[in-house]
C-alpha atoms as a PDB file:
ATOM      1  CA  MET A   1      17.203  26.311   5.001  1.00  0.00           C
ATOM      2  CA  GLN A   2      18.456  22.835   5.091  1.00  0.00           C
ATOM      3  CA  GLY A   3      16.430  20.024   6.323  1.00  0.00           C
ATOM      4  CA  LYS A   4      19.464  17.902   7.422  1.00  0.00           C
ATOM      5  CA  GLN A   5      20.505  20.632   9.864  1.00  0.00           C
ATOM      6  CA  HIS A   6      17.089  20.633  11.188  1.00  0.00           C
ATOM      7  CA  GLN A   7      17.274  16.794  11.665  1.00  0.00           C
ATOM      8  CA  ASN A   8      20.596  17.074  13.410  1.00  0.00           C
ATOM      9  CA  LYS A   9      19.057  19.701  15.766  1.00  0.00           C
ATOM     10  CA  HIS A  10      16.479  16.902  16.983  1.00  0.00           C
ATOM     11  CA  THR A  11      18.795  13.915  17.150  1.00  0.00           C
ATOM     12  CA  GLY A  12      18.402  12.784  20.834  1.00  0.00           C
ATOM     13  CA  LEU A  13      16.504  14.386  23.562  1.00  0.00           C
ATOM     14  CA  THR A  14      17.420  18.006  24.743  1.00  0.00           C
ATOM     15  CA  ASN A  15      16.681  20.194  27.698  1.00  0.00           C
ATOM     16  CA  ARG A  16      14.771  22.348  25.649  1.00  0.00           C
ATOM     17  CA  ARG A  17      12.494  19.682  24.298  1.00  0.00           C
ATOM     18  CA  THR A  18      11.900  18.594  27.846  1.00  0.00           C
ATOM     19  CA  PHE A  19      10.960  22.031  28.881  1.00  0.00           C
ATOM     20  CA  MET A  20       8.460  22.414  26.039  1.00  0.00           C
ATOM     21  CA  GLN A  21       6.883  19.312  26.757  1.00  0.00           C
ATOM     22  CA  TYR A  22       6.271  20.268  30.507  1.00  0.00           C
ATOM     23  CA  LEU A  23       4.850  23.617  29.353  1.00  0.00           C
ATOM     24  CA  ALA A  24       2.522  21.344  27.204  1.00  0.00           C
ATOM     25  CA  MET A  25       1.365  19.339  30.106  1.00  0.00           C
ATOM     26  CA  LEU A  26       0.556  22.336  32.143  1.00  0.00           C
ATOM     27  CA  GLY A  27      -1.918  23.249  29.514  1.00  0.00           C
ATOM     28  CA  ILE A  28      -3.590  19.689  29.928  1.00  0.00           C
ATOM     29  CA  GLY A  29      -3.126  19.247  33.640  1.00  0.00           C
ATOM     30  CA  GLY A  30      -4.799  22.817  34.291  1.00  0.00           C
ATOM     31  CA  GLN A  31      -8.064  20.966  32.886  1.00  0.00           C
ATOM     32  CA  ALA A  32      -7.988  18.386  35.607  1.00  0.00           C
ATOM     33  CA  LEU A  33      -6.905  21.115  38.308  1.00  0.00           C
ATOM     34  CA  PHE A  34      -9.798  23.178  37.293  1.00  0.00           C
ATOM     35  CA  ARG A  35     -12.176  19.931  37.575  1.00  0.00           C
ATOM     36  CA  SER A  36     -10.899  18.777  41.004  1.00  0.00           C
ATOM     37  CA  GLY A  37      -8.527  21.406  42.560  1.00  0.00           C
ATOM     38  CA  ASP A  38      -6.245  18.612  43.006  1.00  0.00           C
ATOM     39  CA  LEU A  39      -2.711  19.463  41.969  1.00  0.00           C
ATOM     40  CA  LYS A  40      -1.368  15.727  42.025  1.00  0.00           C
ATOM     41  CA  ALA A  41      -4.290  14.740  39.790  1.00  0.00           C
ATOM     42  CA  ALA A  42      -3.508  17.483  37.444  1.00  0.00           C
ATOM     43  CA  ILE A  43       0.241  16.470  37.196  1.00  0.00           C
ATOM     44  CA  ALA A  44      -0.806  12.781  36.872  1.00  0.00           C
ATOM     45  CA  GLU A  45      -3.235  13.629  34.117  1.00  0.00           C
ATOM     46  CA  ALA A  46      -0.338  15.762  32.232  1.00  0.00           C
ATOM     47  CA  LYS A  47       2.122  13.042  32.524  1.00  0.00           C
ATOM     48  CA  GLU A  48      -0.305  10.608  31.108  1.00  0.00           C
ATOM     49  CA  THR A  49      -1.396  12.618  28.318  1.00  0.00           C
ATOM     50  CA  VAL A  50       1.998  13.618  27.136  1.00  0.00           C
ATOM     51  CA  GLY A  51       3.265   9.977  27.724  1.00  0.00           C
ATOM     52  CA  GLY A  52       4.687   9.734  31.017  1.00  0.00           C
ATOM     53  CA  GLY A  53       7.353  12.373  30.671  1.00  0.00           C
ATOM     54  CA  PRO A  54       9.885  13.484  28.068  1.00  0.00           C
ATOM     55  CA  ASP A  55      10.766  10.080  26.412  1.00  0.00           C
ATOM     56  CA  TRP A  56       9.288  10.086  22.993  1.00  0.00           C
ATOM     57  CA  PRO A  57      10.837   8.201  20.322  1.00  0.00           C
ATOM     58  CA  GLY A  58      13.239   9.990  18.085  1.00  0.00           C
ATOM     59  CA  MET A  59      11.479  11.045  14.699  1.00  0.00           C
ATOM     60  CA  THR A  60      12.541   9.346  11.654  1.00  0.00           C
ATOM     61  CA  TYR A  61      13.259  11.597   8.330  1.00  0.00           C
ATOM     62  CA  ARG A  62      13.247  11.198   4.485  1.00  0.00           C
ATOM     63  CA  VAL A  63      14.460  13.385   1.797  1.00  0.00           C
ATOM     64  CA  LEU A  64      11.017  14.667   0.046  1.00  0.00           C
ATOM     65  CA  GLY A  65      12.063  13.889  -3.584  1.00  0.00           C
ATOM     66  CA  ARG A  66      13.632  16.495  -5.390  1.00  0.00           C
ATOM     67  CA  THR A  67      12.909  19.237  -2.873  1.00  0.00           C
ATOM     68  CA  GLU A  68      15.963  17.889  -1.174  1.00  0.00           C
ATOM     69  CA  PHE A  69      14.364  18.533   2.032  1.00  0.00           C
ATOM     70  CA  ASN A  70      14.919  16.131   4.854  1.00  0.00           C
ATOM     71  CA  GLY A  71      11.623  16.198   6.187  1.00  0.00           C
ATOM     72  CA  SER A  72      10.079  14.368   9.232  1.00  0.00           C
ATOM     73  CA  ARG A  73       7.701  11.558   8.022  1.00  0.00           C
ATOM     74  CA  LEU A  74       4.974  12.957  10.274  1.00  0.00           C
ATOM     75  CA  ILE A  75       3.619  16.292   8.667  1.00  0.00           C
ATOM     76  CA  PHE A  76       1.684  18.426  10.901  1.00  0.00           C
ATOM     77  CA  GLY A  77      -1.646  19.195   9.068  1.00  0.00           C
ATOM     78  CA  CYS A  78      -2.576  22.601  10.350  1.00  0.00           C
ATOM     79  CA  GLY A  79      -5.862  23.442   8.780  1.00  0.00           C
ATOM     80  CA  ALA A  80      -8.498  22.107  10.766  1.00  0.00           C
ATOM     81  CA  THR A  81      -6.480  22.353  14.038  1.00  0.00           C
ATOM     82  CA  LEU A  82      -5.855  26.179  13.560  1.00  0.00           C
ATOM     83  CA  MET A  83      -8.944  27.287  11.538  1.00  0.00           C
ATOM     84  CA  ARG A  84     -10.866  28.795  14.635  1.00  0.00           C
ATOM     85  CA  ARG A  85      -7.931  29.317  17.304  1.00  0.00           C
ATOM     86  CA  PRO A  86      -4.130  29.308  17.830  1.00  0.00           C
ATOM     87  CA  ALA A  87      -2.650  26.177  19.265  1.00  0.00           C
ATOM     88  CA  ASP A  88       0.868  27.612  19.846  1.00  0.00           C
ATOM     89  CA  ARG A  89       1.900  24.945  22.598  1.00  0.00           C
ATOM     90  CA  LEU A  90       0.820  22.060  20.429  1.00  0.00           C
ATOM     91  CA  LEU A  91       2.850  23.522  17.500  1.00  0.00           C
ATOM     92  CA  GLU A  92       5.856  24.237  19.701  1.00  0.00           C
ATOM     93  CA  THR A  93       5.652  20.625  20.928  1.00  0.00           C
ATOM     94  CA  ALA A  94       5.680  18.945  17.680  1.00  0.00           C
ATOM     95  CA  PHE A  95       8.685  21.216  16.620  1.00  0.00           C
ATOM     96  CA  GLU A  96      10.719  20.313  19.723  1.00  0.00           C
ATOM     97  CA  ALA A  97       9.962  16.631  19.161  1.00  0.00           C
ATOM     98  CA  GLY A  98      11.256  16.789  15.599  1.00  0.00           C
ATOM     99  CA  VAL A  99       8.505  17.616  13.281  1.00  0.00           C
ATOM    100  CA  ASN A 100       9.706  20.016  10.646  1.00  0.00           C
ATOM    101  CA  VAL A 101       7.083  19.928   7.984  1.00  0.00           C
ATOM    102  CA  TYR A 102       3.930  21.911   8.425  1.00  0.00           C
ATOM    103  CA  ASP A 103       0.968  22.054   6.031  1.00  0.00           C
ATOM    104  CA  VAL A 104      -1.863  24.585   6.010  1.00  0.00           C
ATOM    105  CA  GLY A 105      -4.245  26.159   3.372  1.00  0.00           C
ATOM    106  CA  THR A 106      -6.198  28.941   2.093  1.00  0.00           C
ATOM    107  CA  SER A 107      -8.540  30.837   4.362  1.00  0.00           C
ATOM    108  CA  ARG A 108     -11.265  30.432   1.912  1.00  0.00           C
ATOM    109  CA  TYR A 109     -11.290  26.763   3.126  1.00  0.00           C
ATOM    110  CA  TYR A 110      -9.567  26.757   6.467  1.00  0.00           C
ATOM    111  CA  ASN A 111     -10.921  29.975   7.744  1.00  0.00           C
ATOM    112  CA  LYS A 112      -7.983  31.547  10.183  1.00  0.00           C
ATOM    113  CA  ALA A 113      -5.546  28.714   9.863  1.00  0.00           C
ATOM    114  CA  GLU A 114      -2.797  30.553   8.104  1.00  0.00           C
ATOM    115  CA  ARG A 115      -3.050  33.451  10.171  1.00  0.00           C
ATOM    116  CA  ASN A 116      -2.926  31.419  13.398  1.00  0.00           C
ATOM    117  CA  LEU A 117       0.035  29.652  12.082  1.00  0.00           C
ATOM    118  CA  ALA A 118       1.925  32.891  11.219  1.00  0.00           C
ATOM    119  CA  PRO A 119       3.666  33.476  14.591  1.00  0.00           C
ATOM    120  CA  PHE A 120       5.097  30.157  14.794  1.00  0.00           C
ATOM    121  CA  VAL A 121       6.284  30.370  11.149  1.00  0.00           C
ATOM    122  CA  LYS A 122       7.907  33.483  12.126  1.00  0.00           C
ATOM    123  CA  LYS A 123       9.738  32.101  14.840  1.00  0.00           C
ATOM    124  CA  HIS A 124      10.883  28.920  13.182  1.00  0.00           C
ATOM    125  CA  ARG A 125      10.884  29.880   9.308  1.00  0.00           C
ATOM    126  CA  ASP A 126      14.434  28.696   8.861  1.00  0.00           C
ATOM    127  CA  ASP A 127      14.043  25.459  10.339  1.00  0.00           C
ATOM    128  CA  ILE A 128      10.719  24.228   8.698  1.00  0.00           C
ATOM    129  CA  PHE A 129       9.449  23.225   5.387  1.00  0.00           C
ATOM    130  CA  LEU A 130       6.261  25.258   4.886  1.00  0.00           C
ATOM    131  CA  ILE A 131       3.223  24.159   2.618  1.00  0.00           C
ATOM    132  CA  SER A 132       0.191  25.879   1.721  1.00  0.00           C
ATOM    133  CA  LYS A 133      -2.448  25.226  -0.861  1.00  0.00           C
ATOM    134  CA  ALA A 134      -5.743  26.307  -2.564  1.00  0.00           C
ATOM    135  CA  MET A 135      -8.429  24.643  -4.606  1.00  0.00           C
ATOM    136  CA  VAL A 136      -8.924  25.274  -8.178  1.00  0.00           C
ATOM    137  CA  TYR A 137     -12.749  26.785  -8.194  1.00  0.00           C
ATOM    138  CA  LEU A 138     -13.816  25.622 -11.555  1.00  0.00           C
ATOM    139  CA  ASP A 139     -17.198  23.682 -11.753  1.00  0.00           C
ATOM    140  CA  VAL A 140     -16.010  20.621 -13.402  1.00  0.00           C
ATOM    141  CA  GLU A 141     -16.429  16.932 -12.926  1.00  0.00           C
ATOM    142  CA  PRO A 142     -13.446  14.622 -12.317  1.00  0.00           C
ATOM    143  CA  GLU A 143     -13.146  13.488 -15.812  1.00  0.00           C
ATOM    144  CA  GLU A 144     -14.584  16.548 -17.921  1.00  0.00           C
ATOM    145  CA  GLU A 145     -12.252  18.172 -20.079  1.00  0.00           C
ATOM    146  CA  ILE A 146     -11.474  21.974 -19.550  1.00  0.00           C
ATOM    147  CA  THR A 147     -11.077  24.686 -22.012  1.00  0.00           C
ATOM    148  CA  VAL A 148      -8.083  26.806 -22.427  1.00  0.00           C
ATOM    149  CA  ALA A 149     -10.239  29.751 -21.372  1.00  0.00           C
ATOM    150  CA  GLN A 150     -11.486  27.803 -18.178  1.00  0.00           C
ATOM    151  CA  ALA A 151      -7.825  26.955 -17.442  1.00  0.00           C
ATOM    152  CA  LYS A 152      -6.600  30.489 -17.838  1.00  0.00           C
ATOM    153  CA  THR A 153      -9.289  31.641 -15.448  1.00  0.00           C
ATOM    154  CA  GLY A 154      -8.744  29.119 -12.787  1.00  0.00           C
ATOM    155  CA  ALA A 155      -4.958  29.512 -12.803  1.00  0.00           C
ATOM    156  CA  ALA A 156      -5.346  33.296 -12.393  1.00  0.00           C
ATOM    157  CA  ALA A 157      -7.667  32.794  -9.479  1.00  0.00           C
ATOM    158  CA  TRP A 158      -5.260  30.003  -8.020  1.00  0.00           C
ATOM    159  CA  LEU A 159      -2.440  32.666  -8.197  1.00  0.00           C
ATOM    160  CA  GLU A 160      -4.496  35.344  -6.264  1.00  0.00           C
ATOM    161  CA  LEU A 161      -5.426  32.788  -3.416  1.00  0.00           C
ATOM    162  CA  MET A 162      -1.477  32.069  -3.407  1.00  0.00           C
ATOM    163  CA  ASP A 163      -0.853  35.710  -2.680  1.00  0.00           C
ATOM    164  CA  GLU A 164      -3.621  35.875  -0.154  1.00  0.00           C
ATOM    165  CA  SER A 165      -1.839  32.864   1.586  1.00  0.00           C
ATOM    166  CA  LEU A 166       1.352  34.774   1.818  1.00  0.00           C
ATOM    167  CA  ARG A 167      -0.233  37.625   3.274  1.00  0.00           C
ATOM    168  CA  GLU A 168      -2.192  35.672   5.888  1.00  0.00           C
ATOM    169  CA  LEU A 169       1.120  33.692   6.826  1.00  0.00           C
ATOM    170  CA  ASP A 170       3.007  37.030   6.910  1.00  0.00           C
ATOM    171  CA  VAL A 171       5.675  35.687   4.595  1.00  0.00           C
ATOM    172  CA  ASP A 172       6.989  36.416   1.177  1.00  0.00           C
ATOM    173  CA  HIS A 173       7.793  32.834   0.202  1.00  0.00           C
ATOM    174  CA  VAL A 174       6.336  29.302   0.802  1.00  0.00           C
ATOM    175  CA  ASP A 175       8.441  26.245  -0.015  1.00  0.00           C
ATOM    176  CA  ALA A 176       5.578  24.354  -1.718  1.00  0.00           C
ATOM    177  CA  TYR A 177       2.074  25.391  -2.622  1.00  0.00           C
ATOM    178  CA  TYR A 178      -0.586  22.769  -4.079  1.00  0.00           C
ATOM    179  CA  LEU A 179      -3.380  22.496  -6.338  1.00  0.00           C
ATOM    180  CA  MET A 180      -5.581  21.471  -3.454  1.00  0.00           C
ATOM    181  CA  GLY A 181      -8.357  18.968  -3.742  1.00  0.00           C
ATOM    182  CA  SER A 182      -7.646  18.311  -7.406  1.00  0.00           C
ATOM    183  CA  ASN A 183      -9.526  15.431  -8.647  1.00  0.00           C
ATOM    184  CA  ASN A 184      -9.548  16.320 -12.374  1.00  0.00           C
ATOM    185  CA  PRO A 185      -6.452  15.093 -14.525  1.00  0.00           C
ATOM    186  CA  TYR A 186      -7.121  17.845 -17.262  1.00  0.00           C
ATOM    187  CA  ILE A 187      -6.532  20.542 -14.528  1.00  0.00           C
ATOM    188  CA  VAL A 188      -3.581  18.882 -13.324  1.00  0.00           C
ATOM    189  CA  GLY A 189      -2.070  18.393 -16.618  1.00  0.00           C
ATOM    190  CA  SER A 190      -2.949  21.881 -17.683  1.00  0.00           C
ATOM    191  CA  GLU A 191      -0.035  23.991 -18.978  1.00  0.00           C
ATOM    192  CA  GLU A 192      -1.927  27.171 -17.958  1.00  0.00           C
ATOM    193  CA  PHE A 193      -1.792  26.135 -14.410  1.00  0.00           C
ATOM    194  CA  TYR A 194       1.993  25.088 -14.768  1.00  0.00           C
ATOM    195  CA  ASN A 195       2.888  28.632 -16.521  1.00  0.00           C
ATOM    196  CA  ALA A 196       1.111  29.997 -13.397  1.00  0.00           C
ATOM    197  CA  PHE A 197       3.354  28.258 -10.861  1.00  0.00           C
ATOM    198  CA  LEU A 198       6.370  29.115 -12.986  1.00  0.00           C
ATOM    199  CA  LYS A 199       5.392  32.805 -12.833  1.00  0.00           C
ATOM    200  CA  ALA A 200       5.083  32.383  -8.928  1.00  0.00           C
ATOM    201  CA  LYS A 201       8.325  30.722  -8.641  1.00  0.00           C
ATOM    202  CA  GLN A 202      10.084  33.192 -10.749  1.00  0.00           C
ATOM    203  CA  ALA A 203       8.756  35.955  -8.556  1.00  0.00           C
ATOM    204  CA  GLY A 204      10.279  34.171  -5.746  1.00  0.00           C
ATOM    205  CA  LYS A 205       6.923  33.193  -4.011  1.00  0.00           C
ATOM    206  CA  VAL A 206       7.293  29.607  -3.947  1.00  0.00           C
ATOM    207  CA  SER A 207       9.925  26.875  -4.597  1.00  0.00           C
ATOM    208  CA  HIS A 208       8.027  23.554  -5.351  1.00  0.00           C
ATOM    209  CA  TRP A 209       4.678  22.646  -6.818  1.00  0.00           C
ATOM    210  CA  GLY A 210       2.165  20.123  -5.529  1.00  0.00           C
ATOM    211  CA  VAL A 211      -1.056  18.467  -6.045  1.00  0.00           C
ATOM    212  CA  SER A 212      -3.296  17.076  -3.254  1.00  0.00           C
ATOM    213  CA  THR A 213      -6.346  14.916  -4.059  1.00  0.00           C
ATOM    214  CA  HIS A 214      -8.976  12.907  -2.165  1.00  0.00           C
ATOM    215  CA  GLN A 215     -10.731  11.616  -5.360  1.00  0.00           C
ATOM    216  CA  ASN A 216      -9.647  10.074  -8.631  1.00  0.00           C
ATOM    217  CA  ALA A 217      -6.205   9.820  -6.929  1.00  0.00           C
ATOM    218  CA  GLN A 218      -4.768   7.055  -9.426  1.00  0.00           C
ATOM    219  CA  ARG A 219      -5.656   9.272 -12.513  1.00  0.00           C
ATOM    220  CA  VAL A 220      -4.413  12.320 -10.753  1.00  0.00           C
ATOM    221  CA  LEU A 221      -1.006  10.834  -9.674  1.00  0.00           C
ATOM    222  CA  GLU A 222      -0.599   9.156 -13.147  1.00  0.00           C
ATOM    223  CA  THR A 223      -1.209  12.505 -14.699  1.00  0.00           C
ATOM    224  CA  ALA A 224       1.111  14.212 -12.540  1.00  0.00           C
ATOM    225  CA  LEU A 225       3.861  11.642 -13.154  1.00  0.00           C
ATOM    226  CA  GLU A 226       3.427  12.020 -17.069  1.00  0.00           C
ATOM    227  CA  ARG A 227       3.783  15.640 -16.954  1.00  0.00           C
ATOM    228  CA  GLY A 228       7.047  15.604 -14.695  1.00  0.00           C
ATOM    229  CA  TRP A 229       6.095  19.123 -13.174  1.00  0.00           C
ATOM    230  CA  TYR A 230       5.214  18.064  -9.672  1.00  0.00           C
ATOM    231  CA  ASP A 231       7.605  17.845  -6.849  1.00  0.00           C
ATOM    232  CA  LEU A 232       4.969  16.696  -4.235  1.00  0.00           C
ATOM    233  CA  ALA A 233       1.772  14.622  -4.250  1.00  0.00           C
ATOM    234  CA  MET A 234      -0.454  14.398  -1.272  1.00  0.00           C
ATOM    235  CA  ILE A 235      -2.962  11.475  -1.792  1.00  0.00           C
ATOM    236  CA  ALA A 236      -5.937  10.001   0.055  1.00  0.00           C
ATOM    237  CA  ILE A 237      -4.647   6.385   0.563  1.00  0.00           C
ATOM    238  CA  THR A 238      -5.198   3.537   3.000  1.00  0.00           C
ATOM    239  CA  PRO A 239      -3.828   0.055   3.613  1.00  0.00           C
ATOM    240  CA  ALA A 240      -6.736  -1.150   1.717  1.00  0.00           C
ATOM    241  CA  GLY A 241      -6.109   1.261  -1.242  1.00  0.00           C
ATOM    242  CA  TRP A 242      -7.509   4.451  -2.438  1.00  0.00           C
ATOM    243  CA  TYR A 243      -9.735   6.361  -0.162  1.00  0.00           C
ATOM    244  CA  ASP A 244     -12.850   8.065  -1.502  1.00  0.00           C
ATOM    245  CA  TRP A 245     -13.737  11.418   0.173  1.00  0.00           C
ATOM    246  CA  GLU A 246     -17.196  11.356  -1.498  1.00  0.00           C
ATOM    247  CA  ASP A 247     -18.143   7.998  -0.105  1.00  0.00           C
ATOM    248  CA  LYS A 248     -15.912   8.200   3.140  1.00  0.00           C
ATOM    249  CA  ASN A 249     -14.873   4.472   2.150  1.00  0.00           C
ATOM    250  CA  ILE A 250     -12.371   2.781   0.062  1.00  0.00           C
ATOM    251  CA  LEU A 251     -12.969   3.562  -3.588  1.00  0.00           C
ATOM    252  CA  ALA A 252     -14.993   0.633  -5.222  1.00  0.00           C
ATOM    253  CA  GLY A 253     -12.726  -1.794  -7.086  1.00  0.00           C
ATOM    254  CA  SER A 254      -9.608   0.004  -5.704  1.00  0.00           C
ATOM    255  CA  PRO A 255      -6.262  -2.095  -5.822  1.00  0.00           C
ATOM    256  CA  SER A 256      -4.773  -2.764  -2.354  1.00  0.00           C
ATOM    257  CA  LEU A 257      -1.787  -0.612  -1.282  1.00  0.00           C
ATOM    258  CA  LYS A 258       0.317  -3.570  -1.589  1.00  0.00           C
ATOM    259  CA  GLU A 259      -1.050  -3.736  -5.398  1.00  0.00           C
ATOM    260  CA  LEU A 260      -0.331  -0.183  -6.139  1.00  0.00           C
ATOM    261  CA  GLN A 261       3.480  -0.555  -5.207  1.00  0.00           C
ATOM    262  CA  PRO A 262       4.512  -0.333  -8.860  1.00  0.00           C
ATOM    263  CA  LEU A 263       2.948   2.907  -9.373  1.00  0.00           C
ATOM    264  CA  LEU A 264       4.006   4.426  -6.342  1.00  0.00           C
ATOM    265  CA  ALA A 265       7.698   3.466  -7.070  1.00  0.00           C
ATOM    266  CA  ARG A 266       7.485   4.956 -10.437  1.00  0.00           C
ATOM    267  CA  ALA A 267       6.179   8.136  -8.893  1.00  0.00           C
ATOM    268  CA  ARG A 268       9.053   8.206  -6.285  1.00  0.00           C
ATOM    269  CA  ASP A 269      11.880   7.123  -8.695  1.00  0.00           C
ATOM    270  CA  SER A 270      10.843  10.271 -10.802  1.00  0.00           C
ATOM    271  CA  GLY A 271      11.646  12.599  -8.017  1.00  0.00           C
ATOM    272  CA  MET A 272       8.248  13.249  -6.693  1.00  0.00           C
ATOM    273  CA  ALA A 273       7.642  13.042  -2.856  1.00  0.00           C
ATOM    274  CA  LEU A 274       4.563  11.168  -1.827  1.00  0.00           C
ATOM    275  CA  ILE A 275       2.517  12.013   1.146  1.00  0.00           C
ATOM    276  CA  GLY A 276      -0.252   9.841   2.532  1.00  0.00           C
ATOM    277  CA  MET A 277      -3.513  11.422   4.162  1.00  0.00           C
ATOM    278  CA  LYS A 278      -6.760  10.120   5.356  1.00  0.00           C
ATOM    279  CA  ALA A 279      -4.924   6.910   6.062  1.00  0.00           C
ATOM    280  CA  GLY A 280      -7.055   6.439   9.370  1.00  0.00           C
ATOM    281  CA  ARG A 281     -10.223   8.392   8.625  1.00  0.00           C
ATOM    282  CA  MET A 282     -12.377   5.208   7.994  1.00  0.00           C
ATOM    283  CA  LEU A 283     -11.538   4.077  11.526  1.00  0.00           C
ATOM    284  CA  ALA A 284     -13.259   7.192  13.098  1.00  0.00           C
ATOM    285  CA  GLY A 285     -16.782   7.418  13.740  1.00  0.00           C
ATOM    286  CA  ARG A 286     -19.376   9.496  11.972  1.00  0.00           C
ATOM    287  CA  MET A 287     -18.412  12.719  13.885  1.00  0.00           C
ATOM    288  CA  PHE A 288     -15.199  12.727  11.940  1.00  0.00           C
ATOM    289  CA  ALA A 289     -16.457  11.694   8.678  1.00  0.00           C
ATOM    290  CA  GLY A 290     -15.320   8.057   8.910  1.00  0.00           C
ATOM    291  CA  ARG A 291     -16.982   4.655   8.929  1.00  0.00           C
ATOM    292  CA  GLY A 292     -16.158   3.722  12.517  1.00  0.00           C
ATOM    293  CA  ASP A 293     -14.835   0.335  11.867  1.00  0.00           C
ATOM    294  CA  SER A 294     -11.741  -0.266  13.806  1.00  0.00           C
ATOM    295  CA  SER A 295     -10.927  -3.432  12.115  1.00  0.00           C
ATOM    296  CA  ALA A 296     -11.478  -2.140   8.534  1.00  0.00           C
ATOM    297  CA  PHE A 297      -7.554  -2.798   7.493  1.00  0.00           C
ATOM    298  CA  ASN A 298      -6.750  -5.779   9.614  1.00  0.00           C
ATOM    299  CA  ALA A 299      -6.844  -8.277   6.612  1.00  0.00           C
ATOM    300  CA  HIS A 300      -3.830  -6.395   5.344  1.00  0.00           C
ATOM    301  CA  TYR A 301      -1.695  -6.776   8.212  1.00  0.00           C
ATOM    302  CA  ASP A 302       0.696  -9.627   9.246  1.00  0.00           C
ATOM    303  CA  GLU A 303       0.670 -11.288  12.438  1.00  0.00           C
ATOM    304  CA  ARG A 304       3.404  -9.173  13.916  1.00  0.00           C
ATOM    305  CA  MET A 305       1.499  -5.936  13.283  1.00  0.00           C
ATOM    306  CA  LEU A 306      -1.681  -7.195  14.727  1.00  0.00           C
ATOM    307  CA  LYS A 307      -0.071  -8.491  17.876  1.00  0.00           C
ATOM    308  CA  SER A 308       2.014  -4.997  18.220  1.00  0.00           C
ATOM    309  CA  HIS A 309       1.113  -2.435  20.828  1.00  0.00           C
ATOM    310  CA  LEU A 310      -0.066   0.017  18.191  1.00  0.00           C
ATOM    311  CA  THR A 311      -3.536   1.436  18.104  1.00  0.00           C
ATOM    312  CA  ASP A 312      -5.734   0.792  14.932  1.00  0.00           C
ATOM    313  CA  PHE A 313      -4.918   4.311  13.903  1.00  0.00           C
ATOM    314  CA  GLN A 314      -1.068   4.092  14.362  1.00  0.00           C
ATOM    315  CA  ARG A 315      -1.291   0.779  12.322  1.00  0.00           C
ATOM    316  CA  SER A 316      -2.832   2.410   9.417  1.00  0.00           C
ATOM    317  CA  TYR A 317      -0.086   5.381   9.572  1.00  0.00           C
ATOM    318  CA  ALA A 318       2.723   2.772  10.022  1.00  0.00           C
ATOM    319  CA  TYR A 319       1.465   0.463   7.218  1.00  0.00           C
ATOM    320  CA  VAL A 320       1.317   3.366   4.543  1.00  0.00           C
ATOM    321  CA  LEU A 321       4.635   4.696   5.708  1.00  0.00           C
ATOM    322  CA  GLU A 322       6.437   1.477   5.199  1.00  0.00           C
ATOM    323  CA  ASN A 323       4.475   0.667   1.681  1.00  0.00           C
ATOM    324  CA  GLY A 324       5.199   3.583  -0.402  1.00  0.00           C
ATOM    325  CA  MET A 325       4.532   7.023   1.289  1.00  0.00           C
ATOM    326  CA  ASP A 326       7.464   9.298   2.278  1.00  0.00           C
ATOM    327  CA  ALA A 327       5.546  10.782   4.922  1.00  0.00           C
ATOM    328  CA  VAL A 328       1.942  11.115   6.476  1.00  0.00           C
ATOM    329  CA  ASN A 329      -0.048  14.356   6.808  1.00  0.00           C
ATOM    330  CA  ALA A 330      -2.009  14.216  10.108  1.00  0.00           C
ATOM    331  CA  ASP A 331      -4.681  16.433  11.553  1.00  0.00           C
ATOM    332  CA  MET A 332      -3.701  16.791  15.217  1.00  0.00           C
ATOM    333  CA  GLN A 333      -6.118  18.658  17.469  1.00  0.00           C
ATOM    334  CA  ASN A 334      -4.625  17.965  20.800  1.00  0.00           C
ATOM    335  CA  PHE A 335      -1.712  16.419  22.750  1.00  0.00           C
ATOM    336  CA  LEU A 336      -3.028  13.039  22.488  1.00  0.00           C
ATOM    337  CA  HIS A 337      -3.547  12.954  18.809  1.00  0.00           C
ATOM    338  CA  LEU A 338       0.233  14.481  18.397  1.00  0.00           C
ATOM    339  CA  LYS A 339       1.629  11.755  20.491  1.00  0.00           C
ATOM    340  CA  GLU A 340      -0.138   8.750  19.143  1.00  0.00           C
ATOM    341  CA  ASN A 341       0.493   9.909  15.410  1.00  0.00           C
ATOM    342  CA  PHE A 342       4.257  10.842  16.433  1.00  0.00           C
ATOM    343  CA  ALA A 343       4.773   7.476  17.766  1.00  0.00           C
ATOM    344  CA  ALA A 344       3.628   5.709  14.649  1.00  0.00           C
ATOM    345  CA  ALA A 345       5.533   7.871  12.192  1.00  0.00           C
ATOM    346  CA  ALA A 346       8.823   7.431  14.426  1.00  0.00           C
ATOM    347  CA  THR A 347       8.615   3.764  14.933  1.00  0.00           C
ATOM    348  CA  SER A 348       7.026   2.372  11.705  1.00  0.00           C
ATOM    349  CA  GLN A 349       9.976   0.857  10.406  1.00  0.00           C
ATOM    350  CA  GLN A 350      10.352  -1.427  13.401  1.00  0.00           C
ATOM    351  CA  TYR A 351       7.307  -3.485  12.291  1.00  0.00           C
ATOM    352  CA  PHE A 352       8.535  -4.158   8.625  1.00  0.00           C
ATOM    353  CA  ALA A 353      12.060  -5.616   9.479  1.00  0.00           C
END
């Protein structure tokens, strides 16, 4: 599997892509048709939702560190989207537009998400970078040291969850598997967990190791960097700095994203790919576990960014992409979300010439 081949496949617009987008439009327009019985209104709503037709910007790509995969800068976060039901049209639209990295997670957390992703994976396995992940179910605090016995128990359970993920996805191999939601640097730096990953890699189950964290992200990233074991790190980060999942706010005392550049550069220079998540979560209302403050990051933007046509969410994604992140992972539950996030990732470089 070569990312470069997949990128070339999506250079420019194709007839197949246009076809898939209009299939997606039928799904959206059907809602308007059901409400009004007006076919013209249904077509108009579909065109407006998908973006007025097939002319989406071309996706941009970046090699994901030492994985050597040339990945789309927008990663489709499938967990929440697929945990209850399939979303094949949405996945296909993203793929045809140029998204070639798909991230999901264990059924213990995301219910049926891996199972609902499986048909899409089977169809496109050779053209995508597939990521899944599982938490480490150890009852420890973020800065609590762990014993060797705890590490061995946790690592064995993590391997069992990886096997479960492979069964749910109906594959024998994933490109990367993460320690999910890992806020404890002692776990991240544990040789027992590293040996568990190597065992899975030697068995042909996984190629790359990653870590994701919503809390204590700086300590986790620094530990991952020191160890040199991790190929990818997915971190909760915003234009204002580290996002704290516990408080649904910027971590108290966090350096801004600009001030974090030396650390992020060291991580990337080591060969670790950096993936941002929760970049715009604070902008959402309480229903979506955010603060609902659309101007939360405005102080970090220059005049050009503030005057751009981008939405507040798009600004946050574009900003983190151009200030240290190789890609952003986004939860996209409908075509509007997909197009909004896609446009931000595809055009972010235009605002930082």
